[in-house]
Amino acid sequence: MAEVTAELMFEVLRSIQARLAQVDGKIDELKQEALALRTSQNGIRHEITSVFQEISGMHATLVRHEGRLDRIERRLELNDAPTL
């Protein structure tokens, strides 16, 4: 069996430090990617909200126009009901 010496322990600790440095680097990369994804997600959420607001505005306009057309049809006595 190999004798445990200070030099052997130093080598093992150096190897552990190198691996920990790699892990720290990977964790930093993952943090940056998560931040970029979060930023992108917030942008997409903002765009979707804008689209819903636009659709809501168009719906309101269509409802107003429908009401106006109904009033015009009533005033001109245009209706789809069959005459008896």
C-alpha atoms as a PDB file:
ATOM      1  CA  MET A   1       0.000   0.000   0.000  1.00  0.00           C
ATOM      2  CA  ALA A   2       1.239   3.492  -0.846  1.00  0.00           C
ATOM      3  CA  GLU A   3       2.432   5.535   2.014  1.00  0.00           C
ATOM      4  CA  VAL A   4       0.428   8.687   2.653  1.00  0.00           C
ATOM      5  CA  THR A   5       2.804  11.612   2.586  1.00  0.00           C
ATOM      6  CA  ALA A   6       2.378  15.337   2.662  1.00  0.00           C
ATOM      7  CA  GLU A   7       3.335  15.471  -1.025  1.00  0.00           C
ATOM      8  CA  LEU A   8       0.600  12.972  -1.939  1.00  0.00           C
ATOM      9  CA  MET A   9      -1.974  14.914   0.080  1.00  0.00           C
ATOM     10  CA  PHE A  10      -0.822  18.130  -1.601  1.00  0.00           C
ATOM     11  CA  GLU A  11      -1.310  16.581  -5.061  1.00  0.00           C
ATOM     12  CA  VAL A  12      -4.785  15.345  -4.147  1.00  0.00           C
ATOM     13  CA  LEU A  13      -5.745  18.765  -2.770  1.00  0.00           C
ATOM     14  CA  ARG A  14      -4.374  20.475  -5.892  1.00  0.00           C
ATOM     15  CA  SER A  15      -6.512  18.157  -8.052  1.00  0.00           C
ATOM     16  CA  ILE A  16      -9.577  18.923  -5.929  1.00  0.00           C
ATOM     17  CA  GLN A  17      -8.932  22.658  -6.247  1.00  0.00           C
ATOM     18  CA  ALA A  18      -8.675  22.397 -10.018  1.00  0.00           C
ATOM     19  CA  ARG A  19     -11.959  20.494 -10.223  1.00  0.00           C
ATOM     20  CA  LEU A  20     -13.662  23.014  -7.932  1.00  0.00           C
ATOM     21  CA  ALA A  21     -12.445  25.843 -10.158  1.00  0.00           C
ATOM     22  CA  GLN A  22     -14.030  24.071 -13.143  1.00  0.00           C
ATOM     23  CA  VAL A  23     -17.285  23.612 -11.224  1.00  0.00           C
ATOM     24  CA  ASP A  24     -17.273  27.305 -10.243  1.00  0.00           C
ATOM     25  CA  GLY A  25     -16.797  28.249 -13.892  1.00  0.00           C
ATOM     26  CA  LYS A  26     -19.687  26.037 -14.972  1.00  0.00           C
ATOM     27  CA  ILE A  27     -21.919  27.457 -12.249  1.00  0.00           C
ATOM     28  CA  ASP A  28     -21.103  31.001 -13.402  1.00  0.00           C
ATOM     29  CA  GLU A  29     -21.984  30.006 -16.987  1.00  0.00           C
ATOM     30  CA  LEU A  30     -25.292  28.515 -15.835  1.00  0.00           C
ATOM     31  CA  LYS A  31     -26.111  31.657 -13.865  1.00  0.00           C
ATOM     32  CA  GLN A  32     -25.475  33.805 -16.944  1.00  0.00           C
ATOM     33  CA  GLU A  33     -27.637  31.524 -19.100  1.00  0.00           C
ATOM     34  CA  ALA A  34     -30.446  31.578 -16.537  1.00  0.00           C
ATOM     35  CA  LEU A  35     -30.291  35.373 -16.408  1.00  0.00           C
ATOM     36  CA  ALA A  36     -30.408  35.590 -20.210  1.00  0.00           C
ATOM     37  CA  LEU A  37     -33.385  33.215 -20.307  1.00  0.00           C
ATOM     38  CA  ARG A  38     -35.196  35.211 -17.643  1.00  0.00           C
ATOM     39  CA  THR A  39     -34.595  38.436 -19.558  1.00  0.00           C
ATOM     40  CA  SER A  40     -35.836  36.832 -22.767  1.00  0.00           C
ATOM     41  CA  GLN A  41     -38.892  35.435 -20.995  1.00  0.00           C
ATOM     42  CA  ASN A  42     -39.754  38.870 -19.613  1.00  0.00           C
ATOM     43  CA  GLY A  43     -39.473  40.339 -23.112  1.00  0.00           C
ATOM     44  CA  ILE A  44     -41.775  37.673 -24.516  1.00  0.00           C
ATOM     45  CA  ARG A  45     -44.248  38.237 -21.682  1.00  0.00           C
ATOM     46  CA  HIS A  46     -44.253  41.971 -22.477  1.00  0.00           C
ATOM     47  CA  GLU A  47     -44.868  41.265 -26.174  1.00  0.00           C
ATOM     48  CA  ILE A  48     -47.764  38.900 -25.381  1.00  0.00           C
ATOM     49  CA  THR A  49     -49.319  41.510 -23.102  1.00  0.00           C
ATOM     50  CA  SER A  50     -49.051  44.075 -25.888  1.00  0.00           C
ATOM     51  CA  VAL A  51     -50.728  41.715 -28.346  1.00  0.00           C
ATOM     52  CA  PHE A  52     -53.600  41.067 -25.913  1.00  0.00           C
ATOM     53  CA  GLN A  53     -54.061  44.814 -25.426  1.00  0.00           C
ATOM     54  CA  GLU A  54     -54.159  45.341 -29.198  1.00  0.00           C
ATOM     55  CA  ILE A  55     -56.730  42.559 -29.619  1.00  0.00           C
ATOM     56  CA  SER A  56     -58.803  44.000 -26.792  1.00  0.00           C
ATOM     57  CA  GLY A  57     -58.792  47.404 -28.484  1.00  0.00           C
ATOM     58  CA  MET A  58     -59.868  45.856 -31.794  1.00  0.00           C
ATOM     59  CA  HIS A  59     -62.638  43.956 -30.048  1.00  0.00           C
ATOM     60  CA  ALA A  60     -63.922  47.145 -28.442  1.00  0.00           C
ATOM     61  CA  THR A  61     -63.909  48.871 -31.838  1.00  0.00           C
ATOM     62  CA  LEU A  62     -65.829  45.992 -33.417  1.00  0.00           C
ATOM     63  CA  VAL A  63     -68.419  46.067 -30.629  1.00  0.00           C
ATOM     64  CA  ARG A  64     -68.915  49.820 -31.145  1.00  0.00           C
ATOM     65  CA  HIS A  65     -69.295  49.358 -34.905  1.00  0.00           C
ATOM     66  CA  GLU A  66     -71.730  46.514 -34.402  1.00  0.00           C
ATOM     67  CA  GLY A  67     -73.855  48.706 -32.155  1.00  0.00           C
ATOM     68  CA  ARG A  68     -73.798  51.519 -34.696  1.00  0.00           C
ATOM     69  CA  LEU A  69     -74.792  49.138 -37.505  1.00  0.00           C
ATOM     70  CA  ASP A  70     -77.662  47.814 -35.397  1.00  0.00           C
ATOM     71  CA  ARG A  71     -78.931  51.367 -34.824  1.00  0.00           C
ATOM     72  CA  ILE A  72     -78.612  52.181 -38.535  1.00  0.00           C
ATOM     73  CA  GLU A  73     -80.515  49.030 -39.499  1.00  0.00           C
ATOM     74  CA  ARG A  74     -83.284  49.830 -37.016  1.00  0.00           C
ATOM     75  CA  ARG A  75     -83.528  53.432 -38.228  1.00  0.00           C
ATOM     76  CA  LEU A  76     -83.692  52.332 -41.869  1.00  0.00           C
ATOM     77  CA  GLU A  77     -86.023  49.524 -40.895  1.00  0.00           C
ATOM     78  CA  LEU A  78     -83.684  46.923 -42.345  1.00  0.00           C
ATOM     79  CA  ASN A  79     -84.049  43.651 -40.548  1.00  0.00           C
ATOM     80  CA  ASP A  80     -83.646  40.012 -41.382  1.00  0.00           C
ATOM     81  CA  ALA A  81     -86.997  38.970 -39.911  1.00  0.00           C
ATOM     82  CA  PRO A  82     -89.332  37.565 -42.560  1.00  0.00           C
ATOM     83  CA  THR A  83     -92.439  39.602 -43.184  1.00  0.00           C
ATOM     84  CA  LEU A  84     -95.765  37.892 -42.542  1.00  0.00           C
END
